[in-house]
mmCIF file of all heavy atoms, coordinates in Angstrom:
data_MODEL
# 
_entry.id   MODEL 
# 
loop_
_atom_site.group_PDB 
_atom_site.id 
_atom_site.type_symbol 
_atom_site.label_atom_id 
_atom_site.label_alt_id 
_atom_site.label_comp_id 
_atom_site.label_asym_id 
_atom_site.label_entity_id 
_atom_site.label_seq_id 
_atom_site.pdbx_PDB_ins_code 
_atom_site.Cartn_x 
_atom_site.Cartn_y 
_atom_site.Cartn_z 
_atom_site.occupancy 
_atom_site.B_iso_or_equiv 
_atom_site.pdbx_formal_charge 
_atom_site.auth_seq_id 
_atom_site.auth_comp_id 
_atom_site.auth_asym_id 
_atom_site.auth_atom_id 
_atom_site.pdbx_PDB_model_num 
ATOM 1   N N   . GLN A 1 1  ? 3.972   5.295   -6.885  1.00 0.00 ? 1  GLN A N   1 
ATOM 2   C CA  . GLN A 1 1  ? 3.673   4.795   -8.237  1.00 0.00 ? 1  GLN A CA  1 
ATOM 3   C C   . GLN A 1 1  ? 2.472   3.886   -8.259  1.00 0.00 ? 1  GLN A C   1 
ATOM 4   O O   . GLN A 1 1  ? 1.581   3.978   -9.105  1.00 0.00 ? 1  GLN A O   1 
ATOM 5   C CB  . GLN A 1 1  ? 4.948   4.231   -8.847  1.00 0.00 ? 1  GLN A CB  1 
ATOM 6   C CG  . GLN A 1 1  ? 4.619   3.562   -10.174 1.00 0.00 ? 1  GLN A CG  1 
ATOM 7   C CD  . GLN A 1 1  ? 5.666   2.600   -10.690 1.00 0.00 ? 1  GLN A CD  1 
ATOM 8   O OE1 . GLN A 1 1  ? 6.781   2.608   -10.063 1.00 0.00 ? 1  GLN A OE1 1 
ATOM 9   N NE2 . GLN A 1 1  ? 5.417   1.853   -11.795 1.00 0.00 ? 1  GLN A NE2 1 
ATOM 10  N N   . SER A 1 2  ? 2.443   2.986   -7.316  1.00 0.00 ? 2  SER A N   1 
ATOM 11  C CA  . SER A 1 2  ? 1.430   1.970   -7.156  1.00 0.00 ? 2  SER A CA  1 
ATOM 12  C C   . SER A 1 2  ? 0.098   2.779   -6.904  1.00 0.00 ? 2  SER A C   1 
ATOM 13  O O   . SER A 1 2  ? -0.922  2.354   -7.585  1.00 0.00 ? 2  SER A O   1 
ATOM 14  C CB  . SER A 1 2  ? 1.709   0.978   -6.084  1.00 0.00 ? 2  SER A CB  1 
ATOM 15  O OG  . SER A 1 2  ? 0.729   0.013   -6.005  1.00 0.00 ? 2  SER A OG  1 
ATOM 16  N N   . VAL A 1 3  ? 0.025   3.657   -6.045  1.00 0.00 ? 3  VAL A N   1 
ATOM 17  C CA  . VAL A 1 3  ? -1.237  4.390   -5.746  1.00 0.00 ? 3  VAL A CA  1 
ATOM 18  C C   . VAL A 1 3  ? -1.715  5.157   -6.931  1.00 0.00 ? 3  VAL A C   1 
ATOM 19  O O   . VAL A 1 3  ? -2.891  5.018   -7.378  1.00 0.00 ? 3  VAL A O   1 
ATOM 20  C CB  . VAL A 1 3  ? -1.085  5.309   -4.565  1.00 0.00 ? 3  VAL A CB  1 
ATOM 21  C CG1 . VAL A 1 3  ? -2.284  6.310   -4.422  1.00 0.00 ? 3  VAL A CG1 1 
ATOM 22  C CG2 . VAL A 1 3  ? -0.801  4.536   -3.306  1.00 0.00 ? 3  VAL A CG2 1 
ATOM 23  N N   . GLU A 1 4  ? -0.763  5.843   -7.542  1.00 0.00 ? 4  GLU A N   1 
ATOM 24  C CA  . GLU A 1 4  ? -1.196  6.720   -8.705  1.00 0.00 ? 4  GLU A CA  1 
ATOM 25  C C   . GLU A 1 4  ? -1.780  5.952   -9.857  1.00 0.00 ? 4  GLU A C   1 
ATOM 26  O O   . GLU A 1 4  ? -2.867  6.275   -10.371 1.00 0.00 ? 4  GLU A O   1 
ATOM 27  C CB  . GLU A 1 4  ? 0.051   7.559   -9.151  1.00 0.00 ? 4  GLU A CB  1 
ATOM 28  C CG  . GLU A 1 4  ? -0.277  8.467   -10.430 1.00 0.00 ? 4  GLU A CG  1 
ATOM 29  C CD  . GLU A 1 4  ? 0.970   9.212   -10.879 1.00 0.00 ? 4  GLU A CD  1 
ATOM 30  O OE1 . GLU A 1 4  ? 1.989   9.203   -10.110 1.00 0.00 ? 4  GLU A OE1 1 
ATOM 31  O OE2 . GLU A 1 4  ? 0.934   9.844   -11.981 1.00 0.00 ? 4  GLU A OE2 1 
ATOM 32  N N   . GLU A 1 5  ? -1.141  4.757   -10.224 1.00 0.00 ? 5  GLU A N   1 
ATOM 33  C CA  . GLU A 1 5  ? -1.570  4.059   -11.311 1.00 0.00 ? 5  GLU A CA  1 
ATOM 34  C C   . GLU A 1 5  ? -2.695  3.103   -10.983 1.00 0.00 ? 5  GLU A C   1 
ATOM 35  O O   . GLU A 1 5  ? -3.682  3.027   -11.831 1.00 0.00 ? 5  GLU A O   1 
ATOM 36  C CB  . GLU A 1 5  ? -0.397  3.115   -11.775 1.00 0.00 ? 5  GLU A CB  1 
ATOM 37  C CG  . GLU A 1 5  ? 0.878   3.828   -12.262 1.00 0.00 ? 5  GLU A CG  1 
ATOM 38  C CD  . GLU A 1 5  ? 0.446   4.743   -13.528 1.00 0.00 ? 5  GLU A CD  1 
ATOM 39  O OE1 . GLU A 1 5  ? -0.349  4.323   -14.410 1.00 0.00 ? 5  GLU A OE1 1 
ATOM 40  O OE2 . GLU A 1 5  ? 1.031   5.800   -13.591 1.00 0.00 ? 5  GLU A OE2 1 
ATOM 41  N N   . THR A 1 6  ? -2.876  2.702   -9.815  1.00 0.00 ? 6  THR A N   1 
ATOM 42  C CA  . THR A 1 6  ? -3.969  1.925   -9.343  1.00 0.00 ? 6  THR A CA  1 
ATOM 43  C C   . THR A 1 6  ? -5.309  2.770   -9.272  1.00 0.00 ? 6  THR A C   1 
ATOM 44  O O   . THR A 1 6  ? -6.382  2.312   -9.754  1.00 0.00 ? 6  THR A O   1 
ATOM 45  C CB  . THR A 1 6  ? -3.832  1.276   -8.017  1.00 0.00 ? 6  THR A CB  1 
ATOM 46  O OG1 . THR A 1 6  ? -2.583  0.500   -8.024  1.00 0.00 ? 6  THR A OG1 1 
ATOM 47  C CG2 . THR A 1 6  ? -4.907  0.338   -7.616  1.00 0.00 ? 6  THR A CG2 1 
ATOM 48  N N   . VAL A 1 7  ? -5.149  4.062   -8.813  1.00 0.00 ? 7  VAL A N   1 
ATOM 49  C CA  . VAL A 1 7  ? -6.266  4.877   -8.783  1.00 0.00 ? 7  VAL A CA  1 
ATOM 50  C C   . VAL A 1 7  ? -6.813  5.378   -10.182 1.00 0.00 ? 7  VAL A C   1 
ATOM 51  O O   . VAL A 1 7  ? -7.974  5.468   -10.399 1.00 0.00 ? 7  VAL A O   1 
ATOM 52  C CB  . VAL A 1 7  ? -5.933  6.205   -7.919  1.00 0.00 ? 7  VAL A CB  1 
ATOM 53  C CG1 . VAL A 1 7  ? -6.955  7.231   -8.127  1.00 0.00 ? 7  VAL A CG1 1 
ATOM 54  C CG2 . VAL A 1 7  ? -5.742  5.811   -6.483  1.00 0.00 ? 7  VAL A CG2 1 
ATOM 55  N N   . LYS A 1 8  ? -5.865  5.374   -11.044 1.00 0.00 ? 8  LYS A N   1 
ATOM 56  C CA  . LYS A 1 8  ? -6.173  5.682   -12.551 1.00 0.00 ? 8  LYS A CA  1 
ATOM 57  C C   . LYS A 1 8  ? -7.070  4.516   -13.104 1.00 0.00 ? 8  LYS A C   1 
ATOM 58  O O   . LYS A 1 8  ? -7.965  4.815   -13.887 1.00 0.00 ? 8  LYS A O   1 
ATOM 59  C CB  . LYS A 1 8  ? -4.932  5.795   -13.325 1.00 0.00 ? 8  LYS A CB  1 
ATOM 60  C CG  . LYS A 1 8  ? -4.150  7.104   -13.199 1.00 0.00 ? 8  LYS A CG  1 
ATOM 61  C CD  . LYS A 1 8  ? -2.989  7.210   -14.133 1.00 0.00 ? 8  LYS A CD  1 
ATOM 62  C CE  . LYS A 1 8  ? -2.220  8.479   -14.025 1.00 0.00 ? 8  LYS A CE  1 
ATOM 63  N NZ  . LYS A 1 8  ? -1.063  8.520   -14.883 1.00 0.00 ? 8  LYS A NZ  1 
ATOM 64  N N   . ILE A 1 9  ? -6.832  3.390   -12.740 1.00 0.00 ? 9  ILE A N   1 
ATOM 65  C CA  . ILE A 1 9  ? -7.662  2.259   -13.194 1.00 0.00 ? 9  ILE A CA  1 
ATOM 66  C C   . ILE A 1 9  ? -9.049  2.341   -12.527 1.00 0.00 ? 9  ILE A C   1 
ATOM 67  O O   . ILE A 1 9  ? -10.041 2.135   -13.326 1.00 0.00 ? 9  ILE A O   1 
ATOM 68  C CB  . ILE A 1 9  ? -7.029  0.962   -12.778 1.00 0.00 ? 9  ILE A CB  1 
ATOM 69  C CG1 . ILE A 1 9  ? -5.652  0.726   -13.425 1.00 0.00 ? 9  ILE A CG1 1 
ATOM 70  C CG2 . ILE A 1 9  ? -7.968  -0.357  -13.114 1.00 0.00 ? 9  ILE A CG2 1 
ATOM 71  C CD1 . ILE A 1 9  ? -4.801  -0.434  -12.928 1.00 0.00 ? 9  ILE A CD1 1 
ATOM 72  N N   . GLY A 1 10 ? -9.176  2.717   -11.327 1.00 0.00 ? 10 GLY A N   1 
ATOM 73  C CA  . GLY A 1 10 ? -10.309 2.924   -10.822 1.00 0.00 ? 10 GLY A CA  1 
ATOM 74  C C   . GLY A 1 10 ? -11.050 1.777   -10.108 1.00 0.00 ? 10 GLY A C   1 
ATOM 75  O O   . GLY A 1 10 ? -11.442 0.793   -10.712 1.00 0.00 ? 10 GLY A O   1 
ATOM 76  N N   . PHE A 1 11 ? -11.050 1.825   -8.719  1.00 0.00 ? 11 PHE A N   1 
ATOM 77  C CA  . PHE A 1 11 ? -11.674 0.717   -7.966  1.00 0.00 ? 11 PHE A CA  1 
ATOM 78  C C   . PHE A 1 11 ? -12.504 1.234   -6.943  1.00 0.00 ? 11 PHE A C   1 
ATOM 79  O O   . PHE A 1 11 ? -12.739 2.448   -6.669  1.00 0.00 ? 11 PHE A O   1 
ATOM 80  C CB  . PHE A 1 11 ? -10.542 -0.075  -7.358  1.00 0.00 ? 11 PHE A CB  1 
ATOM 81  C CG  . PHE A 1 11 ? -9.648  -0.862  -8.348  1.00 0.00 ? 11 PHE A CG  1 
ATOM 82  C CD1 . PHE A 1 11 ? -8.483  -0.361  -8.786  1.00 0.00 ? 11 PHE A CD1 1 
ATOM 83  C CD2 . PHE A 1 11 ? -10.071 -2.122  -8.734  1.00 0.00 ? 11 PHE A CD2 1 
ATOM 84  C CE1 . PHE A 1 11 ? -7.673  -1.146  -9.657  1.00 0.00 ? 11 PHE A CE1 1 
ATOM 85  C CE2 . PHE A 1 11 ? -9.331  -2.872  -9.640  1.00 0.00 ? 11 PHE A CE2 1 
ATOM 86  C CZ  . PHE A 1 11 ? -8.132  -2.344  -10.108 1.00 0.00 ? 11 PHE A CZ  1 
ATOM 87  N N   . ASP A 1 12 ? -13.272 0.288   -6.296  1.00 0.00 ? 12 ASP A N   1 
ATOM 88  C CA  . ASP A 1 12 ? -14.205 0.693   -5.216  1.00 0.00 ? 12 ASP A CA  1 
ATOM 89  C C   . ASP A 1 12 ? -13.666 0.911   -3.845  1.00 0.00 ? 12 ASP A C   1 
ATOM 90  O O   . ASP A 1 12 ? -14.348 1.259   -2.896  1.00 0.00 ? 12 ASP A O   1 
ATOM 91  C CB  . ASP A 1 12 ? -15.400 -0.365  -5.058  1.00 0.00 ? 12 ASP A CB  1 
ATOM 92  C CG  . ASP A 1 12 ? -16.088 -0.487  -6.452  1.00 0.00 ? 12 ASP A CG  1 
ATOM 93  O OD1 . ASP A 1 12 ? -16.617 0.459   -6.953  1.00 0.00 ? 12 ASP A OD1 1 
ATOM 94  O OD2 . ASP A 1 12 ? -16.035 -1.608  -7.036  1.00 0.00 ? 12 ASP A OD2 1 
ATOM 95  N N   . GLY A 1 13 ? -12.416 0.458   -3.749  1.00 0.00 ? 13 GLY A N   1 
ATOM 96  C CA  . GLY A 1 13 ? -11.695 0.608   -2.573  1.00 0.00 ? 13 GLY A CA  1 
ATOM 97  C C   . GLY A 1 13 ? -10.197 0.298   -2.871  1.00 0.00 ? 13 GLY A C   1 
ATOM 98  O O   . GLY A 1 13 ? -9.917  -0.397  -3.801  1.00 0.00 ? 13 GLY A O   1 
ATOM 99  N N   . TYR A 1 14 ? -9.319  0.578   -1.819  1.00 0.00 ? 14 TYR A N   1 
ATOM 100 C CA  . TYR A 1 14 ? -7.904  0.427   -2.057  1.00 0.00 ? 14 TYR A CA  1 
ATOM 101 C C   . TYR A 1 14 ? -7.366  -0.333  -0.809  1.00 0.00 ? 14 TYR A C   1 
ATOM 102 O O   . TYR A 1 14 ? -7.483  -0.002  0.435   1.00 0.00 ? 14 TYR A O   1 
ATOM 103 C CB  . TYR A 1 14 ? -7.197  1.660   -2.311  1.00 0.00 ? 14 TYR A CB  1 
ATOM 104 C CG  . TYR A 1 14 ? -7.699  2.230   -3.591  1.00 0.00 ? 14 TYR A CG  1 
ATOM 105 C CD1 . TYR A 1 14 ? -8.758  3.193   -3.615  1.00 0.00 ? 14 TYR A CD1 1 
ATOM 106 C CD2 . TYR A 1 14 ? -7.178  1.920   -4.779  1.00 0.00 ? 14 TYR A CD2 1 
ATOM 107 C CE1 . TYR A 1 14 ? -9.354  3.671   -4.790  1.00 0.00 ? 14 TYR A CE1 1 
ATOM 108 C CE2 . TYR A 1 14 ? -7.667  2.462   -5.954  1.00 0.00 ? 14 TYR A CE2 1 
ATOM 109 C CZ  . TYR A 1 14 ? -8.745  3.277   -6.022  1.00 0.00 ? 14 TYR A CZ  1 
ATOM 110 O OH  . TYR A 1 14 ? -9.198  3.697   -7.103  1.00 0.00 ? 14 TYR A OH  1 
ATOM 111 N N   . ALA A 1 15 ? -6.602  -1.466  -1.086  1.00 0.00 ? 15 ALA A N   1 
ATOM 112 C CA  . ALA A 1 15 ? -6.019  -2.289  -0.042  1.00 0.00 ? 15 ALA A CA  1 
ATOM 113 C C   . ALA A 1 15 ? -4.481  -2.120  0.012   1.00 0.00 ? 15 ALA A C   1 
ATOM 114 O O   . ALA A 1 15 ? -3.847  -1.881  -1.126  1.00 0.00 ? 15 ALA A O   1 
ATOM 115 C CB  . ALA A 1 15 ? -6.389  -3.690  -0.266  1.00 0.00 ? 15 ALA A CB  1 
ATOM 116 N N   . ILE A 1 16 ? -3.969  -2.143  1.115   1.00 0.00 ? 16 ILE A N   1 
ATOM 117 C CA  . ILE A 1 16 ? -2.513  -1.965  1.377   1.00 0.00 ? 16 ILE A CA  1 
ATOM 118 C C   . ILE A 1 16 ? -1.976  -3.398  1.492   1.00 0.00 ? 16 ILE A C   1 
ATOM 119 O O   . ILE A 1 16 ? -2.213  -4.059  2.552   1.00 0.00 ? 16 ILE A O   1 
ATOM 120 C CB  . ILE A 1 16 ? -2.209  -1.150  2.546   1.00 0.00 ? 16 ILE A CB  1 
ATOM 121 C CG1 . ILE A 1 16 ? -2.804  0.272   2.404   1.00 0.00 ? 16 ILE A CG1 1 
ATOM 122 C CG2 . ILE A 1 16 ? -0.672  -1.018  2.759   1.00 0.00 ? 16 ILE A CG2 1 
ATOM 123 C CD1 . ILE A 1 16 ? -2.713  1.087   3.732   1.00 0.00 ? 16 ILE A CD1 1 
ATOM 124 N N   . GLY A 1 17 ? -1.291  -3.893  0.494   1.00 0.00 ? 17 GLY A N   1 
ATOM 125 C CA  . GLY A 1 17 ? -0.673  -5.107  0.541   1.00 0.00 ? 17 GLY A CA  1 
ATOM 126 C C   . GLY A 1 17 ? 0.857   -4.937  0.844   1.00 0.00 ? 17 GLY A C   1 
ATOM 127 O O   . GLY A 1 17 ? 1.419   -3.923  0.697   1.00 0.00 ? 17 GLY A O   1 
ATOM 128 N N   . GLY A 1 18 ? 1.559   -6.137  1.122   1.00 0.00 ? 18 GLY A N   1 
ATOM 129 C CA  . GLY A 1 18 ? 2.964   -6.142  1.125   1.00 0.00 ? 18 GLY A CA  1 
ATOM 130 C C   . GLY A 1 18 ? 3.514   -5.587  2.409   1.00 0.00 ? 18 GLY A C   1 
ATOM 131 O O   . GLY A 1 18 ? 4.729   -5.227  2.586   1.00 0.00 ? 18 GLY A O   1 
ATOM 132 N N   . LEU A 1 19 ? 2.791   -5.419  3.424   1.00 0.00 ? 19 LEU A N   1 
ATOM 133 C CA  . LEU A 1 19 ? 3.117   -4.970  4.832   1.00 0.00 ? 19 LEU A CA  1 
ATOM 134 C C   . LEU A 1 19 ? 2.632   -6.073  5.763   1.00 0.00 ? 19 LEU A C   1 
ATOM 135 O O   . LEU A 1 19 ? 1.818   -6.944  5.435   1.00 0.00 ? 19 LEU A O   1 
ATOM 136 C CB  . LEU A 1 19 ? 2.516   -3.677  5.190   1.00 0.00 ? 19 LEU A CB  1 
ATOM 137 C CG  . LEU A 1 19 ? 3.037   -2.377  4.436   1.00 0.00 ? 19 LEU A CG  1 
ATOM 138 C CD1 . LEU A 1 19 ? 2.395   -1.108  4.941   1.00 0.00 ? 19 LEU A CD1 1 
ATOM 139 C CD2 . LEU A 1 19 ? 4.571   -2.265  4.540   1.00 0.00 ? 19 LEU A CD2 1 
ATOM 140 N N   . SER A 1 20 ? 3.171   -6.087  7.044   1.00 0.00 ? 20 SER A N   1 
ATOM 141 C CA  . SER A 1 20 ? 2.927   -7.124  7.992   1.00 0.00 ? 20 SER A CA  1 
ATOM 142 C C   . SER A 1 20 ? 3.462   -8.423  7.435   1.00 0.00 ? 20 SER A C   1 
ATOM 143 O O   . SER A 1 20 ? 2.908   -9.448  7.645   1.00 0.00 ? 20 SER A O   1 
ATOM 144 C CB  . SER A 1 20 ? 1.446   -7.301  8.378   1.00 0.00 ? 20 SER A CB  1 
ATOM 145 O OG  . SER A 1 20 ? 1.051   -6.098  9.080   1.00 0.00 ? 20 SER A OG  1 
ATOM 146 N N   . VAL A 1 21 ? 4.562   -8.337  6.692   1.00 0.00 ? 21 VAL A N   1 
ATOM 147 C CA  . VAL A 1 21 ? 5.204   -9.538  6.162   1.00 0.00 ? 21 VAL A CA  1 
ATOM 148 C C   . VAL A 1 21 ? 6.648   -9.699  6.718   1.00 0.00 ? 21 VAL A C   1 
ATOM 149 O O   . VAL A 1 21 ? 7.463   -10.436 6.034   1.00 0.00 ? 21 VAL A O   1 
ATOM 150 C CB  . VAL A 1 21 ? 5.215   -9.525  4.583   1.00 0.00 ? 21 VAL A CB  1 
ATOM 151 C CG1 . VAL A 1 21 ? 3.775   -9.624  4.102   1.00 0.00 ? 21 VAL A CG1 1 
ATOM 152 C CG2 . VAL A 1 21 ? 5.892   -8.242  4.076   1.00 0.00 ? 21 VAL A CG2 1 
ATOM 153 N N   . GLY A 1 22 ? 6.905   -9.100  7.838   1.00 0.00 ? 22 GLY A N   1 
ATOM 154 C CA  . GLY A 1 22 ? 8.298   -9.182  8.455   1.00 0.00 ? 22 GLY A CA  1 
ATOM 155 C C   . GLY A 1 22 ? 9.028   -7.914  8.653   1.00 0.00 ? 22 GLY A C   1 
ATOM 156 O O   . GLY A 1 22 ? 10.008  -7.911  9.296   1.00 0.00 ? 22 GLY A O   1 
ATOM 157 N N   . GLU A 1 23 ? 8.534   -6.773  8.046   1.00 0.00 ? 23 GLU A N   1 
ATOM 158 C CA  . GLU A 1 23 ? 9.278   -5.548  8.255   1.00 0.00 ? 23 GLU A CA  1 
ATOM 159 C C   . GLU A 1 23 ? 9.035   -5.038  9.709   1.00 0.00 ? 23 GLU A C   1 
ATOM 160 O O   . GLU A 1 23 ? 8.153   -5.449  10.336  1.00 0.00 ? 23 GLU A O   1 
ATOM 161 C CB  . GLU A 1 23 ? 8.691   -4.512  7.195   1.00 0.00 ? 23 GLU A CB  1 
ATOM 162 C CG  . GLU A 1 23 ? 7.322   -3.893  7.600   1.00 0.00 ? 23 GLU A CG  1 
ATOM 163 C CD  . GLU A 1 23 ? 6.146   -4.741  7.419   1.00 0.00 ? 23 GLU A CD  1 
ATOM 164 O OE1 . GLU A 1 23 ? 6.321   -5.851  6.757   1.00 0.00 ? 23 GLU A OE1 1 
ATOM 165 O OE2 . GLU A 1 23 ? 5.062   -4.448  7.766   1.00 0.00 ? 23 GLU A OE2 1 
ATOM 166 N N   . GLY A 1 24 ? 9.887   -4.147  10.118  1.00 0.00 ? 24 GLY A N   1 
ATOM 167 C CA  . GLY A 1 24 ? 9.773   -3.577  11.362  1.00 0.00 ? 24 GLY A CA  1 
ATOM 168 C C   . GLY A 1 24 ? 8.649   -2.504  11.485  1.00 0.00 ? 24 GLY A C   1 
ATOM 169 O O   . GLY A 1 24 ? 8.253   -1.972  10.490  1.00 0.00 ? 24 GLY A O   1 
ATOM 170 N N   . LYS A 1 25 ? 8.182   -2.233  12.657  1.00 0.00 ? 25 LYS A N   1 
ATOM 171 C CA  . LYS A 1 25 ? 7.226   -1.237  12.878  1.00 0.00 ? 25 LYS A CA  1 
ATOM 172 C C   . LYS A 1 25 ? 7.501   0.145   12.284  1.00 0.00 ? 25 LYS A C   1 
ATOM 173 O O   . LYS A 1 25 ? 6.706   0.877   11.784  1.00 0.00 ? 25 LYS A O   1 
ATOM 174 C CB  . LYS A 1 25 ? 6.677   -1.152  14.304  1.00 0.00 ? 25 LYS A CB  1 
ATOM 175 C CG  . LYS A 1 25 ? 5.966   -2.376  14.799  1.00 0.00 ? 25 LYS A CG  1 
ATOM 176 C CD  . LYS A 1 25 ? 5.300   -2.227  16.162  1.00 0.00 ? 25 LYS A CD  1 
ATOM 177 C CE  . LYS A 1 25 ? 4.507   -3.459  16.464  1.00 0.00 ? 25 LYS A CE  1 
ATOM 178 N NZ  . LYS A 1 25 ? 3.756   -3.264  17.778  1.00 0.00 ? 25 LYS A NZ  1 
ATOM 179 N N   . PRO A 1 26 ? 8.762   0.652   12.509  1.00 0.00 ? 26 PRO A N   1 
ATOM 180 C CA  . PRO A 1 26 ? 9.054   1.900   12.037  1.00 0.00 ? 26 PRO A CA  1 
ATOM 181 C C   . PRO A 1 26 ? 8.973   2.065   10.424  1.00 0.00 ? 26 PRO A C   1 
ATOM 182 O O   . PRO A 1 26 ? 8.393   3.005   9.897   1.00 0.00 ? 26 PRO A O   1 
ATOM 183 C CB  . PRO A 1 26 ? 10.613  2.143   12.370  1.00 0.00 ? 26 PRO A CB  1 
ATOM 184 C CG  . PRO A 1 26 ? 10.819  1.266   13.544  1.00 0.00 ? 26 PRO A CG  1 
ATOM 185 C CD  . PRO A 1 26 ? 9.889   0.110   13.305  1.00 0.00 ? 26 PRO A CD  1 
ATOM 186 N N   . GLU A 1 27 ? 9.359   0.994   9.718   1.00 0.00 ? 27 GLU A N   1 
ATOM 187 C CA  . GLU A 1 27 ? 9.208   0.976   8.315   1.00 0.00 ? 27 GLU A CA  1 
ATOM 188 C C   . GLU A 1 27 ? 7.737   0.877   7.864   1.00 0.00 ? 27 GLU A C   1 
ATOM 189 O O   . GLU A 1 27 ? 7.257   1.486   7.043   1.00 0.00 ? 27 GLU A O   1 
ATOM 190 C CB  . GLU A 1 27 ? 9.941   -0.267  7.698   1.00 0.00 ? 27 GLU A CB  1 
ATOM 191 C CG  . GLU A 1 27 ? 11.445  -0.263  7.751   1.00 0.00 ? 27 GLU A CG  1 
ATOM 192 C CD  . GLU A 1 27 ? 11.934  -0.821  9.070   1.00 0.00 ? 27 GLU A CD  1 
ATOM 193 O OE1 . GLU A 1 27 ? 11.147  -1.067  9.987   1.00 0.00 ? 27 GLU A OE1 1 
ATOM 194 O OE2 . GLU A 1 27 ? 13.163  -0.938  9.247   1.00 0.00 ? 27 GLU A OE2 1 
ATOM 195 N N   . ARG A 1 28 ? 6.957   0.064   8.629   1.00 0.00 ? 28 ARG A N   1 
ATOM 196 C CA  . ARG A 1 28 ? 5.509   -0.092  8.311   1.00 0.00 ? 28 ARG A CA  1 
ATOM 197 C C   . ARG A 1 28 ? 4.806   1.198   8.501   1.00 0.00 ? 28 ARG A C   1 
ATOM 198 O O   . ARG A 1 28 ? 4.045   1.693   7.678   1.00 0.00 ? 28 ARG A O   1 
ATOM 199 C CB  . ARG A 1 28 ? 4.954   -1.164  9.205   1.00 0.00 ? 28 ARG A CB  1 
ATOM 200 C CG  . ARG A 1 28 ? 3.374   -1.445  9.058   1.00 0.00 ? 28 ARG A CG  1 
ATOM 201 C CD  . ARG A 1 28 ? 2.977   -2.417  10.002  1.00 0.00 ? 28 ARG A CD  1 
ATOM 202 N NE  . ARG A 1 28 ? 3.966   -3.537  10.228  1.00 0.00 ? 28 ARG A NE  1 
ATOM 203 C CZ  . ARG A 1 28 ? 3.960   -4.206  11.339  1.00 0.00 ? 28 ARG A CZ  1 
ATOM 204 N NH1 . ARG A 1 28 ? 3.163   -3.979  12.320  1.00 0.00 ? 28 ARG A NH1 1 
ATOM 205 N NH2 . ARG A 1 28 ? 4.826   -5.210  11.471  1.00 0.00 ? 28 ARG A NH2 1 
ATOM 206 N N   . ASN A 1 29 ? 5.139   1.937   9.702   1.00 0.00 ? 29 ASN A N   1 
ATOM 207 C CA  . ASN A 1 29 ? 4.406   3.084   9.933   1.00 0.00 ? 29 ASN A CA  1 
ATOM 208 C C   . ASN A 1 29 ? 4.806   4.247   9.044   1.00 0.00 ? 29 ASN A C   1 
ATOM 209 O O   . ASN A 1 29 ? 4.065   5.137   8.683   1.00 0.00 ? 29 ASN A O   1 
ATOM 210 C CB  . ASN A 1 29 ? 4.724   3.533   11.398  1.00 0.00 ? 29 ASN A CB  1 
ATOM 211 C CG  . ASN A 1 29 ? 4.084   2.659   12.398  1.00 0.00 ? 29 ASN A CG  1 
ATOM 212 O OD1 . ASN A 1 29 ? 3.135   1.866   12.135  1.00 0.00 ? 29 ASN A OD1 1 
ATOM 213 N ND2 . ASN A 1 29 ? 4.596   2.718   13.735  1.00 0.00 ? 29 ASN A ND2 1 
ATOM 214 N N   . GLU A 1 30 ? 6.045   4.294   8.560   1.00 0.00 ? 30 GLU A N   1 
ATOM 215 C CA  . GLU A 1 30 ? 6.501   5.135   7.498   1.00 0.00 ? 30 GLU A CA  1 
ATOM 216 C C   . GLU A 1 30 ? 5.621   5.023   6.315   1.00 0.00 ? 30 GLU A C   1 
ATOM 217 O O   . GLU A 1 30 ? 5.197   6.038   5.664   1.00 0.00 ? 30 GLU A O   1 
ATOM 218 C CB  . GLU A 1 30 ? 7.926   4.942   7.183   1.00 0.00 ? 30 GLU A CB  1 
ATOM 219 C CG  . GLU A 1 30 ? 8.434   6.014   6.155   1.00 0.00 ? 30 GLU A CG  1 
ATOM 220 C CD  . GLU A 1 30 ? 9.805   5.726   5.679   1.00 0.00 ? 30 GLU A CD  1 
ATOM 221 O OE1 . GLU A 1 30 ? 10.495  4.831   6.243   1.00 0.00 ? 30 GLU A OE1 1 
ATOM 222 O OE2 . GLU A 1 30 ? 10.362  6.453   4.758   1.00 0.00 ? 30 GLU A OE2 1 
ATOM 223 N N   . MET A 1 31 ? 5.303   3.770   5.884   1.00 0.00 ? 31 MET A N   1 
ATOM 224 C CA  . MET A 1 31 ? 4.500   3.629   4.629   1.00 0.00 ? 31 MET A CA  1 
ATOM 225 C C   . MET A 1 31 ? 3.099   4.013   4.979   1.00 0.00 ? 31 MET A C   1 
ATOM 226 O O   . MET A 1 31 ? 2.424   4.594   4.002   1.00 0.00 ? 31 MET A O   1 
ATOM 227 C CB  . MET A 1 31 ? 4.652   2.136   4.291   1.00 0.00 ? 31 MET A CB  1 
ATOM 228 C CG  . MET A 1 31 ? 5.937   1.601   3.738   1.00 0.00 ? 31 MET A CG  1 
ATOM 229 S SD  . MET A 1 31 ? 6.512   2.546   2.238   1.00 0.00 ? 31 MET A SD  1 
ATOM 230 C CE  . MET A 1 31 ? 7.728   3.650   3.063   1.00 0.00 ? 31 MET A CE  1 
# 
């Protein structure tokens, strides 16, 4: 949902936030 709606707004690049905040590597890599 976040990707779809953010791309609709239109930016010059896209950052992945909310990872490397304590989750395990399997969860992070899945994302």
